[in-house]
Amino acid sequence: MIETSRLRLLPCDLTLWEAVLAGNNVLSQVIGANVPRRWTENASAFTHFYQQVKKDPSLEKWGGHLIVYRPDNLLIGSCGYKGQPTEKGEVEIGYEIKASHRERGLATETANALVDYAFTFPEVNIVVAHTLAQDSPSTKVLTKVGFKQIGEVEHPEDGLVWRWELSR
């Protein structure tokens, strides 16, 4: 688990992914936190993440996390890494915060925690993120954390996106 002053980032092992897929009541019991009806916008991706961890348990460390807002003991989103470090030492992060908890610095706190955790591993040299190719709240978060926009790349689902990097 990764903890910050206001957040707990819970790594998703198979048990936790199964709870996510079983529904909010089961998930609430497993994580010991309140789970609102609409805490994510990415629910359709969770089955895919579950299958990935089932095939490769090492992805528990380099996969998804659930974000619990400690003051309210409330699940407010998800975040994590998009796989293990590459041969170049790169890991990619992603995050989402429930709409009711945005503009409070929680995405920045989440991104900082993911970066700090990744850099505890000597094999990680660069943390990468991608955003849509336009200014947005995510681009502001990445800038605050210290990422630099490196260029544009073509994403198979999202089209043209900006690549962001933060080196050790």
N, C-alpha and C. Protein backbone atom coordinates (compact mmCIF):
# COMPACT_ATOMS: atom_id res chain seq x y z
N MET A 1 0.85 -1.18 0.00
CA MET A 1 0.00 0.00 0.00
C MET A 1 0.89 1.24 0.00
N ILE A 2 0.46 2.24 -0.73
CA ILE A 2 1.13 3.54 -0.77
C ILE A 2 0.24 4.52 0.00
N GLU A 3 0.82 5.25 0.94
CA GLU A 3 0.04 6.22 1.71
C GLU A 3 0.62 7.62 1.55
N THR A 4 -0.28 8.58 1.49
CA THR A 4 0.09 9.99 1.50
C THR A 4 -0.67 10.63 2.67
N SER A 5 -0.57 11.93 2.79
CA SER A 5 -1.24 12.58 3.91
C SER A 5 -2.76 12.41 3.85
N ARG A 6 -3.33 12.33 2.63
CA ARG A 6 -4.79 12.21 2.51
C ARG A 6 -5.28 10.96 1.81
N LEU A 7 -4.38 10.17 1.28
CA LEU A 7 -4.79 9.05 0.43
C LEU A 7 -4.15 7.73 0.83
N ARG A 8 -4.88 6.65 0.55
CA ARG A 8 -4.34 5.29 0.58
C ARG A 8 -4.50 4.74 -0.83
N LEU A 9 -3.41 4.29 -1.43
CA LEU A 9 -3.46 3.66 -2.74
C LEU A 9 -3.30 2.16 -2.53
N LEU A 10 -4.38 1.43 -2.77
CA LEU A 10 -4.42 0.00 -2.50
C LEU A 10 -4.07 -0.79 -3.75
N PRO A 11 -2.96 -1.55 -3.75
CA PRO A 11 -2.61 -2.33 -4.94
C PRO A 11 -3.62 -3.44 -5.18
N CYS A 12 -4.01 -3.61 -6.43
CA CYS A 12 -5.04 -4.60 -6.79
C CYS A 12 -4.41 -5.95 -7.07
N ASP A 13 -4.52 -6.85 -6.09
CA ASP A 13 -4.18 -8.24 -6.32
C ASP A 13 -5.43 -8.93 -6.86
N LEU A 14 -5.36 -10.25 -7.09
CA LEU A 14 -6.51 -10.95 -7.66
C LEU A 14 -7.75 -10.81 -6.78
N THR A 15 -7.57 -10.91 -5.47
CA THR A 15 -8.71 -10.80 -4.56
C THR A 15 -9.38 -9.45 -4.68
N LEU A 16 -8.59 -8.39 -4.75
CA LEU A 16 -9.17 -7.06 -4.85
C LEU A 16 -9.85 -6.85 -6.20
N TRP A 17 -9.24 -7.33 -7.28
CA TRP A 17 -9.88 -7.22 -8.60
C TRP A 17 -11.21 -7.98 -8.60
N GLU A 18 -11.24 -9.16 -7.98
CA GLU A 18 -12.48 -9.93 -7.91
C GLU A 18 -13.55 -9.16 -7.14
N ALA A 19 -13.15 -8.46 -6.09
CA ALA A 19 -14.10 -7.65 -5.33
C ALA A 19 -14.61 -6.49 -6.17
N VAL A 20 -13.73 -5.84 -6.94
CA VAL A 20 -14.15 -4.76 -7.83
C VAL A 20 -15.21 -5.28 -8.81
N LEU A 21 -14.95 -6.45 -9.39
CA LEU A 21 -15.86 -7.01 -10.38
C LEU A 21 -17.16 -7.52 -9.76
N ALA A 22 -17.13 -7.88 -8.46
CA ALA A 22 -18.32 -8.39 -7.78
C ALA A 22 -19.31 -7.28 -7.43
N GLY A 23 -18.86 -6.04 -7.41
CA GLY A 23 -19.77 -4.93 -7.13
C GLY A 23 -19.39 -4.15 -5.89
N ASN A 24 -20.01 -3.00 -5.75
CA ASN A 24 -19.64 -2.04 -4.71
C ASN A 24 -19.83 -2.56 -3.29
N ASN A 25 -20.88 -3.35 -3.03
CA ASN A 25 -21.08 -3.87 -1.68
C ASN A 25 -19.95 -4.79 -1.26
N VAL A 26 -19.57 -5.71 -2.13
CA VAL A 26 -18.46 -6.62 -1.84
C VAL A 26 -17.16 -5.83 -1.73
N LEU A 27 -16.95 -4.91 -2.65
CA LEU A 27 -15.73 -4.11 -2.63
C LEU A 27 -15.60 -3.33 -1.33
N SER A 28 -16.68 -2.74 -0.86
CA SER A 28 -16.67 -1.99 0.38
C SER A 28 -16.24 -2.87 1.56
N GLN A 29 -16.75 -4.09 1.61
CA GLN A 29 -16.38 -5.01 2.69
C GLN A 29 -14.91 -5.39 2.61
N VAL A 30 -14.41 -5.63 1.41
CA VAL A 30 -13.02 -6.08 1.24
C VAL A 30 -12.03 -4.97 1.59
N ILE A 31 -12.31 -3.74 1.17
CA ILE A 31 -11.33 -2.66 1.43
C ILE A 31 -11.61 -1.92 2.73
N GLY A 32 -12.76 -2.16 3.35
CA GLY A 32 -13.07 -1.48 4.61
C GLY A 32 -13.26 0.01 4.44
N ALA A 33 -13.84 0.41 3.31
CA ALA A 33 -14.09 1.83 3.04
C ALA A 33 -15.45 1.97 2.37
N ASN A 34 -15.97 3.18 2.42
CA ASN A 34 -17.23 3.49 1.74
C ASN A 34 -16.99 3.52 0.24
N VAL A 35 -17.90 2.91 -0.50
CA VAL A 35 -17.77 2.86 -1.96
C VAL A 35 -19.02 3.49 -2.57
N PRO A 36 -18.89 4.68 -3.15
CA PRO A 36 -20.05 5.32 -3.77
C PRO A 36 -20.46 4.59 -5.05
N ARG A 37 -21.69 4.82 -5.45
CA ARG A 37 -22.22 4.15 -6.63
C ARG A 37 -21.36 4.42 -7.86
N ARG A 38 -20.97 5.66 -8.07
CA ARG A 38 -20.20 6.02 -9.27
C ARG A 38 -18.83 6.56 -8.86
N TRP A 39 -17.90 5.66 -8.62
CA TRP A 39 -16.57 6.06 -8.18
C TRP A 39 -15.54 6.01 -9.30
N THR A 40 -15.91 5.45 -10.47
CA THR A 40 -14.96 5.33 -11.57
C THR A 40 -15.65 5.60 -12.90
N GLU A 41 -14.84 6.04 -13.84
CA GLU A 41 -15.30 6.17 -15.23
C GLU A 41 -14.67 5.10 -16.10
N ASN A 42 -13.88 4.21 -15.50
CA ASN A 42 -13.12 3.20 -16.26
C ASN A 42 -13.53 1.77 -15.94
N ALA A 43 -14.73 1.56 -15.45
CA ALA A 43 -15.15 0.22 -15.03
C ALA A 43 -15.00 -0.82 -16.14
N SER A 44 -15.19 -0.42 -17.38
CA SER A 44 -15.10 -1.38 -18.48
C SER A 44 -13.69 -1.95 -18.63
N ALA A 45 -12.68 -1.25 -18.17
CA ALA A 45 -11.30 -1.72 -18.28
C ALA A 45 -10.91 -2.70 -17.18
N PHE A 46 -11.69 -2.77 -16.10
CA PHE A 46 -11.27 -3.56 -14.95
C PHE A 46 -11.22 -5.05 -15.23
N THR A 47 -12.10 -5.58 -16.07
CA THR A 47 -12.04 -6.99 -16.43
C THR A 47 -10.73 -7.30 -17.13
N HIS A 48 -10.31 -6.41 -18.01
CA HIS A 48 -9.03 -6.59 -18.71
C HIS A 48 -7.86 -6.60 -17.71
N PHE A 49 -7.87 -5.65 -16.77
CA PHE A 49 -6.79 -5.60 -15.77
C PHE A 49 -6.77 -6.88 -14.93
N TYR A 50 -7.95 -7.35 -14.54
CA TYR A 50 -8.06 -8.59 -13.77
C TYR A 50 -7.43 -9.74 -14.54
N GLN A 51 -7.76 -9.86 -15.82
CA GLN A 51 -7.21 -10.95 -16.64
C GLN A 51 -5.69 -10.84 -16.75
N GLN A 52 -5.17 -9.63 -16.85
CA GLN A 52 -3.72 -9.45 -16.93
C GLN A 52 -3.04 -9.94 -15.67
N VAL A 53 -3.57 -9.57 -14.51
CA VAL A 53 -2.97 -9.98 -13.23
C VAL A 53 -3.10 -11.49 -13.06
N LYS A 54 -4.20 -12.05 -13.53
CA LYS A 54 -4.40 -13.50 -13.43
C LYS A 54 -3.32 -14.23 -14.23
N LYS A 55 -2.96 -13.70 -15.39
CA LYS A 55 -1.92 -14.31 -16.24
C LYS A 55 -0.52 -14.07 -15.67
N ASP A 56 -0.32 -12.89 -15.07
CA ASP A 56 1.02 -12.51 -14.60
C ASP A 56 0.91 -11.83 -13.25
N PRO A 57 1.01 -12.60 -12.15
CA PRO A 57 0.86 -12.03 -10.80
C PRO A 57 1.88 -10.93 -10.46
N SER A 58 2.98 -10.84 -11.20
CA SER A 58 3.95 -9.77 -10.93
C SER A 58 3.35 -8.40 -11.23
N LEU A 59 2.23 -8.36 -11.97
CA LEU A 59 1.58 -7.10 -12.27
C LEU A 59 0.82 -6.53 -11.08
N GLU A 60 0.73 -7.30 -9.99
CA GLU A 60 0.11 -6.74 -8.79
C GLU A 60 0.88 -5.50 -8.34
N LYS A 61 2.21 -5.54 -8.45
CA LYS A 61 3.03 -4.40 -8.06
C LYS A 61 3.01 -3.31 -9.13
N TRP A 62 2.93 -3.69 -10.38
CA TRP A 62 3.00 -2.75 -11.50
C TRP A 62 1.68 -2.65 -12.24
N GLY A 63 0.58 -2.72 -11.50
CA GLY A 63 -0.74 -2.63 -12.10
C GLY A 63 -1.59 -1.57 -11.44
N GLY A 64 -2.87 -1.90 -11.26
CA GLY A 64 -3.83 -0.93 -10.76
C GLY A 64 -3.85 -0.80 -9.25
N HIS A 65 -4.30 0.36 -8.80
CA HIS A 65 -4.51 0.66 -7.39
C HIS A 65 -5.86 1.37 -7.25
N LEU A 66 -6.49 1.18 -6.12
CA LEU A 66 -7.69 1.94 -5.79
C LEU A 66 -7.30 3.08 -4.88
N ILE A 67 -7.95 4.23 -5.05
CA ILE A 67 -7.61 5.42 -4.27
C ILE A 67 -8.69 5.65 -3.22
N VAL A 68 -8.30 5.59 -1.96
CA VAL A 68 -9.21 5.86 -0.85
C VAL A 68 -8.83 7.19 -0.23
N TYR A 69 -9.80 8.09 -0.16
CA TYR A 69 -9.63 9.40 0.48
C TYR A 69 -9.78 9.18 1.98
N ARG A 70 -8.66 9.29 2.69
CA ARG A 70 -8.61 8.92 4.10
C ARG A 70 -9.55 9.74 5.00
N PRO A 71 -9.68 11.08 4.85
CA PRO A 71 -10.56 11.82 5.76
C PRO A 71 -12.00 11.31 5.79
N ASP A 72 -12.51 10.83 4.65
CA ASP A 72 -13.89 10.32 4.58
C ASP A 72 -13.95 8.80 4.48
N ASN A 73 -12.77 8.14 4.45
CA ASN A 73 -12.70 6.69 4.21
C ASN A 73 -13.57 6.32 3.02
N LEU A 74 -13.33 7.02 1.89
CA LEU A 74 -14.18 6.93 0.71
C LEU A 74 -13.34 6.60 -0.52
N LEU A 75 -13.77 5.60 -1.29
CA LEU A 75 -13.13 5.27 -2.55
C LEU A 75 -13.43 6.38 -3.56
N ILE A 76 -12.38 6.99 -4.11
CA ILE A 76 -12.59 8.13 -5.01
C ILE A 76 -11.98 7.95 -6.40
N GLY A 77 -11.41 6.78 -6.69
CA GLY A 77 -10.85 6.60 -8.02
C GLY A 77 -9.88 5.45 -8.09
N SER A 78 -9.16 5.44 -9.20
CA SER A 78 -8.16 4.40 -9.43
C SER A 78 -6.94 5.02 -10.07
N CYS A 79 -5.84 4.30 -9.98
CA CYS A 79 -4.59 4.77 -10.55
C CYS A 79 -3.67 3.57 -10.72
N GLY A 80 -2.48 3.82 -11.19
CA GLY A 80 -1.52 2.74 -11.24
C GLY A 80 -0.54 2.87 -12.37
N TYR A 81 0.08 1.73 -12.62
CA TYR A 81 1.10 1.61 -13.64
C TYR A 81 0.56 0.73 -14.76
N LYS A 82 1.02 1.00 -15.97
CA LYS A 82 0.56 0.24 -17.13
C LYS A 82 1.59 -0.83 -17.48
N GLY A 83 1.99 -1.59 -16.47
CA GLY A 83 2.92 -2.69 -16.68
C GLY A 83 4.26 -2.46 -16.01
N GLN A 84 5.08 -3.49 -16.08
CA GLN A 84 6.41 -3.47 -15.47
C GLN A 84 7.33 -2.51 -16.20
N PRO A 85 8.45 -2.15 -15.55
CA PRO A 85 9.42 -1.29 -16.23
C PRO A 85 9.93 -1.95 -17.51
N THR A 86 10.11 -1.14 -18.54
CA THR A 86 10.66 -1.65 -19.80
C THR A 86 12.16 -1.86 -19.65
N GLU A 87 12.77 -2.38 -20.68
CA GLU A 87 14.24 -2.56 -20.67
C GLU A 87 14.96 -1.22 -20.52
N LYS A 88 14.33 -0.13 -20.99
CA LYS A 88 14.91 1.21 -20.84
C LYS A 88 14.69 1.78 -19.45
N GLY A 89 13.91 1.07 -18.61
CA GLY A 89 13.63 1.56 -17.27
C GLY A 89 12.47 2.53 -17.20
N GLU A 90 11.51 2.39 -18.12
CA GLU A 90 10.34 3.28 -18.14
C GLU A 90 9.11 2.57 -17.58
N VAL A 91 8.32 3.30 -16.78
CA VAL A 91 6.99 2.85 -16.38
C VAL A 91 6.02 3.97 -16.70
N GLU A 92 4.81 3.57 -17.06
CA GLU A 92 3.78 4.56 -17.38
C GLU A 92 2.74 4.59 -16.27
N ILE A 93 2.31 5.80 -15.90
CA ILE A 93 1.27 5.96 -14.89
C ILE A 93 -0.02 6.46 -15.51
N GLY A 94 -1.11 6.22 -14.79
CA GLY A 94 -2.41 6.76 -15.13
C GLY A 94 -3.20 6.93 -13.84
N TYR A 95 -4.21 7.78 -13.86
CA TYR A 95 -4.99 8.04 -12.65
C TYR A 95 -6.33 8.65 -13.03
N GLU A 96 -7.31 8.46 -12.16
CA GLU A 96 -8.62 9.11 -12.30
C GLU A 96 -9.14 9.40 -10.90
N ILE A 97 -9.76 10.56 -10.77
CA ILE A 97 -10.36 10.98 -9.50
C ILE A 97 -11.84 11.24 -9.76
N LYS A 98 -12.68 10.74 -8.87
CA LYS A 98 -14.13 10.95 -8.93
C LYS A 98 -14.42 12.45 -9.04
N ALA A 99 -15.37 12.82 -9.90
CA ALA A 99 -15.66 14.23 -10.19
C ALA A 99 -15.87 15.07 -8.94
N SER A 100 -16.55 14.53 -7.94
CA SER A 100 -16.84 15.29 -6.72
C SER A 100 -15.59 15.63 -5.90
N HIS A 101 -14.47 14.97 -6.21
CA HIS A 101 -13.25 15.20 -5.44
C HIS A 101 -12.13 15.83 -6.27
N ARG A 102 -12.47 16.33 -7.44
CA ARG A 102 -11.47 17.00 -8.28
C ARG A 102 -11.25 18.42 -7.80
N GLU A 103 -10.17 19.01 -8.28
CA GLU A 103 -9.77 20.39 -7.96
C GLU A 103 -9.48 20.57 -6.47
N ARG A 104 -8.95 19.51 -5.85
CA ARG A 104 -8.52 19.56 -4.45
C ARG A 104 -7.04 19.16 -4.30
N GLY A 105 -6.37 18.98 -5.44
CA GLY A 105 -4.97 18.55 -5.40
C GLY A 105 -4.80 17.05 -5.22
N LEU A 106 -5.88 16.28 -5.30
CA LEU A 106 -5.79 14.84 -5.07
C LEU A 106 -5.16 14.09 -6.24
N ALA A 107 -5.38 14.55 -7.46
CA ALA A 107 -4.72 13.93 -8.62
C ALA A 107 -3.22 14.20 -8.56
N THR A 108 -2.84 15.40 -8.17
CA THR A 108 -1.42 15.73 -8.02
C THR A 108 -0.79 14.87 -6.92
N GLU A 109 -1.49 14.72 -5.81
CA GLU A 109 -1.00 13.88 -4.71
C GLU A 109 -0.86 12.43 -5.16
N THR A 110 -1.81 11.96 -5.95
CA THR A 110 -1.77 10.60 -6.48
C THR A 110 -0.58 10.43 -7.42
N ALA A 111 -0.43 11.33 -8.37
CA ALA A 111 0.67 11.23 -9.33
C ALA A 111 2.02 11.30 -8.63
N ASN A 112 2.17 12.20 -7.66
CA ASN A 112 3.42 12.28 -6.90
C ASN A 112 3.71 10.96 -6.19
N ALA A 113 2.68 10.36 -5.59
CA ALA A 113 2.87 9.10 -4.87
C ALA A 113 3.30 7.98 -5.83
N LEU A 114 2.69 7.93 -7.01
CA LEU A 114 3.07 6.91 -7.99
C LEU A 114 4.51 7.09 -8.45
N VAL A 115 4.90 8.34 -8.70
CA VAL A 115 6.28 8.63 -9.11
C VAL A 115 7.26 8.26 -8.00
N ASP A 116 6.98 8.71 -6.79
CA ASP A 116 7.88 8.42 -5.66
C ASP A 116 8.05 6.92 -5.47
N TYR A 117 6.94 6.18 -5.54
CA TYR A 117 7.01 4.73 -5.36
C TYR A 117 7.83 4.10 -6.49
N ALA A 118 7.58 4.51 -7.73
CA ALA A 118 8.31 3.94 -8.87
C ALA A 118 9.81 4.15 -8.71
N PHE A 119 10.20 5.33 -8.25
CA PHE A 119 11.63 5.63 -8.13
C PHE A 119 12.29 4.95 -6.93
N THR A 120 11.53 4.22 -6.11
CA THR A 120 12.17 3.41 -5.07
C THR A 120 12.80 2.15 -5.66
N PHE A 121 12.48 1.86 -6.92
CA PHE A 121 13.03 0.69 -7.60
C PHE A 121 14.17 1.13 -8.52
N PRO A 122 15.37 0.59 -8.32
CA PRO A 122 16.53 1.04 -9.10
C PRO A 122 16.39 0.84 -10.60
N GLU A 123 15.55 -0.11 -11.01
CA GLU A 123 15.39 -0.35 -12.44
C GLU A 123 14.54 0.70 -13.14
N VAL A 124 13.90 1.59 -12.38
CA VAL A 124 13.06 2.64 -12.98
C VAL A 124 13.88 3.92 -13.12
N ASN A 125 13.99 4.39 -14.36
CA ASN A 125 14.72 5.63 -14.66
C ASN A 125 13.81 6.77 -15.09
N ILE A 126 12.69 6.40 -15.71
CA ILE A 126 11.79 7.41 -16.27
C ILE A 126 10.34 6.98 -15.99
N VAL A 127 9.53 7.94 -15.56
CA VAL A 127 8.09 7.72 -15.44
C VAL A 127 7.43 8.47 -16.59
N VAL A 128 6.53 7.79 -17.27
CA VAL A 128 5.88 8.31 -18.48
C VAL A 128 4.39 8.45 -18.21
N ALA A 129 3.77 9.41 -18.88
CA ALA A 129 2.31 9.55 -18.88
C ALA A 129 1.89 10.06 -20.25
N HIS A 130 0.65 9.82 -20.60
CA HIS A 130 0.09 10.32 -21.86
C HIS A 130 -1.22 11.05 -21.56
N THR A 131 -1.44 12.14 -22.30
CA THR A 131 -2.69 12.88 -22.21
C THR A 131 -3.21 13.14 -23.62
N LEU A 132 -4.48 13.50 -23.70
CA LEU A 132 -4.97 13.96 -24.98
C LEU A 132 -4.13 15.16 -25.41
N ALA A 133 -4.05 15.42 -26.69
CA ALA A 133 -3.17 16.46 -27.22
C ALA A 133 -3.81 17.84 -27.10
N GLN A 134 -4.09 18.24 -25.87
CA GLN A 134 -4.64 19.57 -25.58
C GLN A 134 -4.45 19.86 -24.11
N ASP A 135 -4.43 21.13 -23.77
CA ASP A 135 -4.33 21.50 -22.36
C ASP A 135 -5.57 20.98 -21.63
N SER A 136 -5.34 20.46 -20.42
CA SER A 136 -6.43 19.87 -19.64
C SER A 136 -6.02 19.83 -18.18
N PRO A 137 -6.93 19.45 -17.30
CA PRO A 137 -6.54 19.28 -15.89
C PRO A 137 -5.38 18.28 -15.73
N SER A 138 -5.36 17.23 -16.55
CA SER A 138 -4.26 16.25 -16.45
C SER A 138 -2.92 16.86 -16.84
N THR A 139 -2.90 17.72 -17.85
CA THR A 139 -1.63 18.35 -18.22
C THR A 139 -1.13 19.26 -17.11
N LYS A 140 -2.06 19.92 -16.41
CA LYS A 140 -1.68 20.77 -15.28
C LYS A 140 -1.11 19.93 -14.14
N VAL A 141 -1.74 18.78 -13.87
CA VAL A 141 -1.24 17.88 -12.82
C VAL A 141 0.18 17.44 -13.14
N LEU A 142 0.39 16.96 -14.36
CA LEU A 142 1.72 16.46 -14.73
C LEU A 142 2.77 17.56 -14.65
N THR A 143 2.43 18.77 -15.07
CA THR A 143 3.36 19.90 -14.97
C THR A 143 3.71 20.18 -13.51
N LYS A 144 2.70 20.18 -12.63
CA LYS A 144 2.95 20.41 -11.19
C LYS A 144 3.89 19.36 -10.60
N VAL A 145 3.75 18.13 -11.06
CA VAL A 145 4.57 17.03 -10.53
C VAL A 145 6.00 17.10 -11.07
N GLY A 146 6.19 17.81 -12.18
CA GLY A 146 7.53 17.96 -12.74
C GLY A 146 7.75 17.29 -14.07
N PHE A 147 6.70 16.72 -14.65
CA PHE A 147 6.81 16.09 -15.96
C PHE A 147 7.06 17.16 -17.04
N LYS A 148 7.72 16.74 -18.09
CA LYS A 148 7.94 17.59 -19.27
C LYS A 148 7.25 16.93 -20.47
N GLN A 149 6.57 17.77 -21.25
CA GLN A 149 5.96 17.25 -22.48
C GLN A 149 7.07 17.01 -23.48
N ILE A 150 7.17 15.77 -23.96
CA ILE A 150 8.27 15.38 -24.83
C ILE A 150 7.89 15.45 -26.30
N GLY A 151 6.63 15.13 -26.61
CA GLY A 151 6.22 15.13 -28.01
C GLY A 151 4.84 14.52 -28.17
N GLU A 152 4.50 14.21 -29.41
CA GLU A 152 3.21 13.62 -29.73
C GLU A 152 3.43 12.21 -30.26
N VAL A 153 2.50 11.32 -29.91
CA VAL A 153 2.53 9.96 -30.43
C VAL A 153 1.12 9.56 -30.81
N GLU A 154 1.01 8.59 -31.69
CA GLU A 154 -0.29 8.08 -32.11
C GLU A 154 -0.68 6.92 -31.21
N HIS A 155 -1.83 7.06 -30.55
CA HIS A 155 -2.36 6.02 -29.68
C HIS A 155 -3.42 5.26 -30.44
N PRO A 156 -3.45 3.91 -30.36
CA PRO A 156 -4.40 3.13 -31.16
C PRO A 156 -5.87 3.44 -30.87
N GLU A 157 -6.20 3.84 -29.64
CA GLU A 157 -7.60 4.12 -29.31
C GLU A 157 -7.91 5.61 -29.23
N ASP A 158 -6.93 6.41 -28.76
CA ASP A 158 -7.19 7.83 -28.49
C ASP A 158 -6.69 8.76 -29.59
N GLY A 159 -6.03 8.23 -30.60
CA GLY A 159 -5.48 9.08 -31.65
C GLY A 159 -4.21 9.77 -31.19
N LEU A 160 -4.04 11.02 -31.59
CA LEU A 160 -2.84 11.77 -31.25
C LEU A 160 -2.86 12.14 -29.76
N VAL A 161 -1.81 11.79 -29.05
CA VAL A 161 -1.68 12.11 -27.63
C VAL A 161 -0.32 12.72 -27.37
N TRP A 162 -0.22 13.44 -26.24
CA TRP A 162 1.06 14.00 -25.82
C TRP A 162 1.75 13.02 -24.89
N ARG A 163 3.05 12.87 -25.08
CA ARG A 163 3.87 12.03 -24.21
C ARG A 163 4.56 12.95 -23.20
N TRP A 164 4.50 12.56 -21.94
CA TRP A 164 5.12 13.28 -20.84
C TRP A 164 6.13 12.38 -20.16
N GLU A 165 7.25 12.94 -19.71
CA GLU A 165 8.28 12.15 -19.03
C GLU A 165 8.80 12.89 -17.81
N LEU A 166 9.18 12.10 -16.81
CA LEU A 166 9.87 12.61 -15.64
C LEU A 166 11.01 11.66 -15.36
N SER A 167 12.23 12.17 -15.43
CA SER A 167 13.42 11.34 -15.19
C SER A 167 13.82 11.39 -13.73
N ARG A 168 14.46 10.32 -13.32
CA ARG A 168 14.96 10.21 -11.95
C ARG A 168 15.84 11.39 -11.61
